[in-house]
Amino acid sequence: MWVVWKEFDGERTTVRAMVACDNGVTFSAPTFLASTRHFSGHPLLVHDGRRLFLSWCTRTDGYMLRRLETTS
Protein backbone atom coordinates (compact mmCIF):
# COMPACT_ATOMS: atom_id res chain seq x y z
CA MET A 1 0.00 0.00 0.00
CA TRP A 2 1.41 3.39 -1.03
CA VAL A 3 0.47 6.87 0.17
CA VAL A 4 1.73 10.05 -1.54
CA TRP A 5 1.19 13.69 -0.58
CA LYS A 6 2.70 17.11 -1.07
CA GLU A 7 4.05 19.42 1.62
CA PHE A 8 4.78 23.15 1.40
CA ASP A 9 7.46 24.64 3.67
CA GLY A 10 6.97 28.27 2.62
CA GLU A 11 9.44 28.01 -0.27
CA ARG A 12 9.26 24.54 -1.83
CA THR A 13 6.53 21.99 -2.45
CA THR A 14 7.78 18.46 -1.90
CA VAL A 15 6.12 15.16 -2.79
CA ARG A 16 6.72 12.38 -0.27
CA ALA A 17 5.61 8.77 0.01
CA MET A 18 5.20 6.06 2.61
CA VAL A 19 4.82 2.35 1.90
CA ALA A 20 3.19 -0.45 3.93
CA CYS A 21 3.87 -4.07 3.03
CA ASP A 22 1.54 -5.45 5.73
CA ASN A 23 -1.90 -4.21 4.60
CA GLY A 24 -1.44 -0.80 6.20
CA VAL A 25 -0.51 -1.92 9.72
CA THR A 26 2.92 -0.21 9.66
CA PHE A 27 4.35 2.28 7.19
CA SER A 28 7.89 3.15 6.18
CA ALA A 29 9.41 6.49 7.04
CA PRO A 30 8.43 9.22 4.54
CA THR A 31 10.69 9.32 1.48
CA PHE A 32 11.35 12.17 -0.97
CA LEU A 33 10.00 11.73 -4.51
CA ALA A 34 10.11 15.20 -6.14
CA SER A 35 9.97 18.94 -5.46
CA THR A 36 9.34 22.33 -7.06
CA ARG A 37 9.47 26.01 -6.09
CA HIS A 38 6.38 26.93 -8.13
CA PHE A 39 2.72 25.99 -8.55
CA SER A 40 1.91 22.29 -8.79
CA GLY A 41 -1.07 19.98 -9.00
CA HIS A 42 -1.82 17.14 -6.63
CA PRO A 43 0.36 14.04 -6.92
CA LEU A 44 -1.38 10.87 -8.06
CA LEU A 45 -0.43 7.22 -8.10
CA VAL A 46 -1.01 5.42 -11.41
CA HIS A 47 -0.82 1.66 -11.89
CA ASP A 48 -0.78 -0.08 -15.26
CA GLY A 49 -1.34 -3.60 -13.89
CA ARG A 50 2.38 -4.25 -13.45
CA ARG A 51 4.14 -1.02 -12.55
CA LEU A 52 3.44 1.91 -10.24
CA PHE A 53 4.06 5.54 -11.24
CA LEU A 54 3.97 8.98 -9.67
CA SER A 55 1.96 11.36 -11.86
CA TRP A 56 2.58 15.05 -11.06
CA CYS A 57 2.44 18.33 -12.95
CA THR A 58 4.40 21.46 -12.01
CA ARG A 59 4.54 24.89 -13.59
CA THR A 60 8.34 24.74 -13.92
CA ASP A 61 8.89 21.14 -15.01
CA GLY A 62 5.58 20.33 -16.69
CA TYR A 63 4.10 16.85 -16.49
CA MET A 64 6.11 14.02 -14.98
CA LEU A 65 5.38 10.32 -14.90
CA ARG A 66 8.03 8.69 -12.73
CA ARG A 67 8.20 4.94 -12.18
CA LEU A 68 8.31 3.95 -8.50
CA GLU A 69 10.20 0.93 -7.23
CA THR A 70 7.87 -1.63 -5.70
CA THR A 71 8.54 -4.85 -3.83
CA SER A 72 6.05 -7.34 -5.23
C-alpha atoms as a PDB file:
ATOM      1  CA  MET A   1       0.000   0.000   0.000  1.00  0.00           C
ATOM      2  CA  TRP A   2       1.408   3.392  -1.032  1.00  0.00           C
ATOM      3  CA  VAL A   3       0.465   6.869   0.171  1.00  0.00           C
ATOM      4  CA  VAL A   4       1.728  10.051  -1.543  1.00  0.00           C
ATOM      5  CA  TRP A   5       1.193  13.688  -0.584  1.00  0.00           C
ATOM      6  CA  LYS A   6       2.698  17.106  -1.070  1.00  0.00           C
ATOM      7  CA  GLU A   7       4.053  19.418   1.624  1.00  0.00           C
ATOM      8  CA  PHE A   8       4.783  23.146   1.402  1.00  0.00           C
ATOM      9  CA  ASP A   9       7.458  24.644   3.674  1.00  0.00           C
ATOM     10  CA  GLY A  10       6.968  28.274   2.624  1.00  0.00           C
ATOM     11  CA  GLU A  11       9.436  28.010  -0.274  1.00  0.00           C
ATOM     12  CA  ARG A  12       9.256  24.536  -1.827  1.00  0.00           C
ATOM     13  CA  THR A  13       6.534  21.987  -2.454  1.00  0.00           C
ATOM     14  CA  THR A  14       7.784  18.456  -1.904  1.00  0.00           C
ATOM     15  CA  VAL A  15       6.119  15.158  -2.790  1.00  0.00           C
ATOM     16  CA  ARG A  16       6.723  12.384  -0.275  1.00  0.00           C
ATOM     17  CA  ALA A  17       5.608   8.767   0.008  1.00  0.00           C
ATOM     18  CA  MET A  18       5.198   6.060   2.613  1.00  0.00           C
ATOM     19  CA  VAL A  19       4.817   2.346   1.904  1.00  0.00           C
ATOM     20  CA  ALA A  20       3.193  -0.450   3.929  1.00  0.00           C
ATOM     21  CA  CYS A  21       3.865  -4.073   3.029  1.00  0.00           C
ATOM     22  CA  ASP A  22       1.541  -5.446   5.733  1.00  0.00           C
ATOM     23  CA  ASN A  23      -1.902  -4.212   4.603  1.00  0.00           C
ATOM     24  CA  GLY A  24      -1.435  -0.803   6.196  1.00  0.00           C
ATOM     25  CA  VAL A  25      -0.511  -1.920   9.715  1.00  0.00           C
ATOM     26  CA  THR A  26       2.917  -0.214   9.657  1.00  0.00           C
ATOM     27  CA  PHE A  27       4.353   2.281   7.194  1.00  0.00           C
ATOM     28  CA  SER A  28       7.888   3.148   6.178  1.00  0.00           C
ATOM     29  CA  ALA A  29       9.408   6.489   7.041  1.00  0.00           C
ATOM     30  CA  PRO A  30       8.432   9.217   4.539  1.00  0.00           C
ATOM     31  CA  THR A  31      10.687   9.317   1.476  1.00  0.00           C
ATOM     32  CA  PHE A  32      11.350  12.173  -0.966  1.00  0.00           C
ATOM     33  CA  LEU A  33      10.003  11.734  -4.510  1.00  0.00           C
ATOM     34  CA  ALA A  34      10.109  15.196  -6.140  1.00  0.00           C
ATOM     35  CA  SER A  35       9.966  18.939  -5.463  1.00  0.00           C
ATOM     36  CA  THR A  36       9.340  22.333  -7.059  1.00  0.00           C
ATOM     37  CA  ARG A  37       9.470  26.011  -6.092  1.00  0.00           C
ATOM     38  CA  HIS A  38       6.382  26.933  -8.127  1.00  0.00           C
ATOM     39  CA  PHE A  39       2.717  25.994  -8.551  1.00  0.00           C
ATOM     40  CA  SER A  40       1.905  22.287  -8.791  1.00  0.00           C
ATOM     41  CA  GLY A  41      -1.068  19.983  -8.998  1.00  0.00           C
ATOM     42  CA  HIS A  42      -1.822  17.143  -6.633  1.00  0.00           C
ATOM     43  CA  PRO A  43       0.362  14.041  -6.922  1.00  0.00           C
ATOM     44  CA  LEU A  44      -1.375  10.869  -8.060  1.00  0.00           C
ATOM     45  CA  LEU A  45      -0.430   7.220  -8.099  1.00  0.00           C
ATOM     46  CA  VAL A  46      -1.015   5.423 -11.412  1.00  0.00           C
ATOM     47  CA  HIS A  47      -0.825   1.656 -11.885  1.00  0.00           C
ATOM     48  CA  ASP A  48      -0.777  -0.083 -15.257  1.00  0.00           C
ATOM     49  CA  GLY A  49      -1.336  -3.597 -13.892  1.00  0.00           C
ATOM     50  CA  ARG A  50       2.383  -4.254 -13.448  1.00  0.00           C
ATOM     51  CA  ARG A  51       4.143  -1.017 -12.550  1.00  0.00           C
ATOM     52  CA  LEU A  52       3.440   1.911 -10.240  1.00  0.00           C
ATOM     53  CA  PHE A  53       4.065   5.539 -11.237  1.00  0.00           C
ATOM     54  CA  LEU A  54       3.969   8.980  -9.669  1.00  0.00           C
ATOM     55  CA  SER A  55       1.958  11.360 -11.859  1.00  0.00           C
ATOM     56  CA  TRP A  56       2.584  15.045 -11.057  1.00  0.00           C
ATOM     57  CA  CYS A  57       2.439  18.330 -12.951  1.00  0.00           C
ATOM     58  CA  THR A  58       4.398  21.463 -12.013  1.00  0.00           C
ATOM     59  CA  ARG A  59       4.537  24.886 -13.592  1.00  0.00           C
ATOM     60  CA  THR A  60       8.338  24.738 -13.917  1.00  0.00           C
ATOM     61  CA  ASP A  61       8.885  21.143 -15.012  1.00  0.00           C
ATOM     62  CA  GLY A  62       5.583  20.333 -16.690  1.00  0.00           C
ATOM     63  CA  TYR A  63       4.101  16.853 -16.488  1.00  0.00           C
ATOM     64  CA  MET A  64       6.112  14.023 -14.980  1.00  0.00           C
ATOM     65  CA  LEU A  65       5.381  10.321 -14.900  1.00  0.00           C
ATOM     66  CA  ARG A  66       8.031   8.691 -12.728  1.00  0.00           C
ATOM     67  CA  ARG A  67       8.199   4.937 -12.177  1.00  0.00           C
ATOM     68  CA  LEU A  68       8.312   3.948  -8.504  1.00  0.00           C
ATOM     69  CA  GLU A  69      10.201   0.928  -7.230  1.00  0.00           C
ATOM     70  CA  THR A  70       7.874  -1.631  -5.702  1.00  0.00           C
ATOM     71  CA  THR A  71       8.536  -4.853  -3.831  1.00  0.00           C
ATOM     72  CA  SER A  72       6.053  -7.343  -5.230  1.00  0.00           C
END
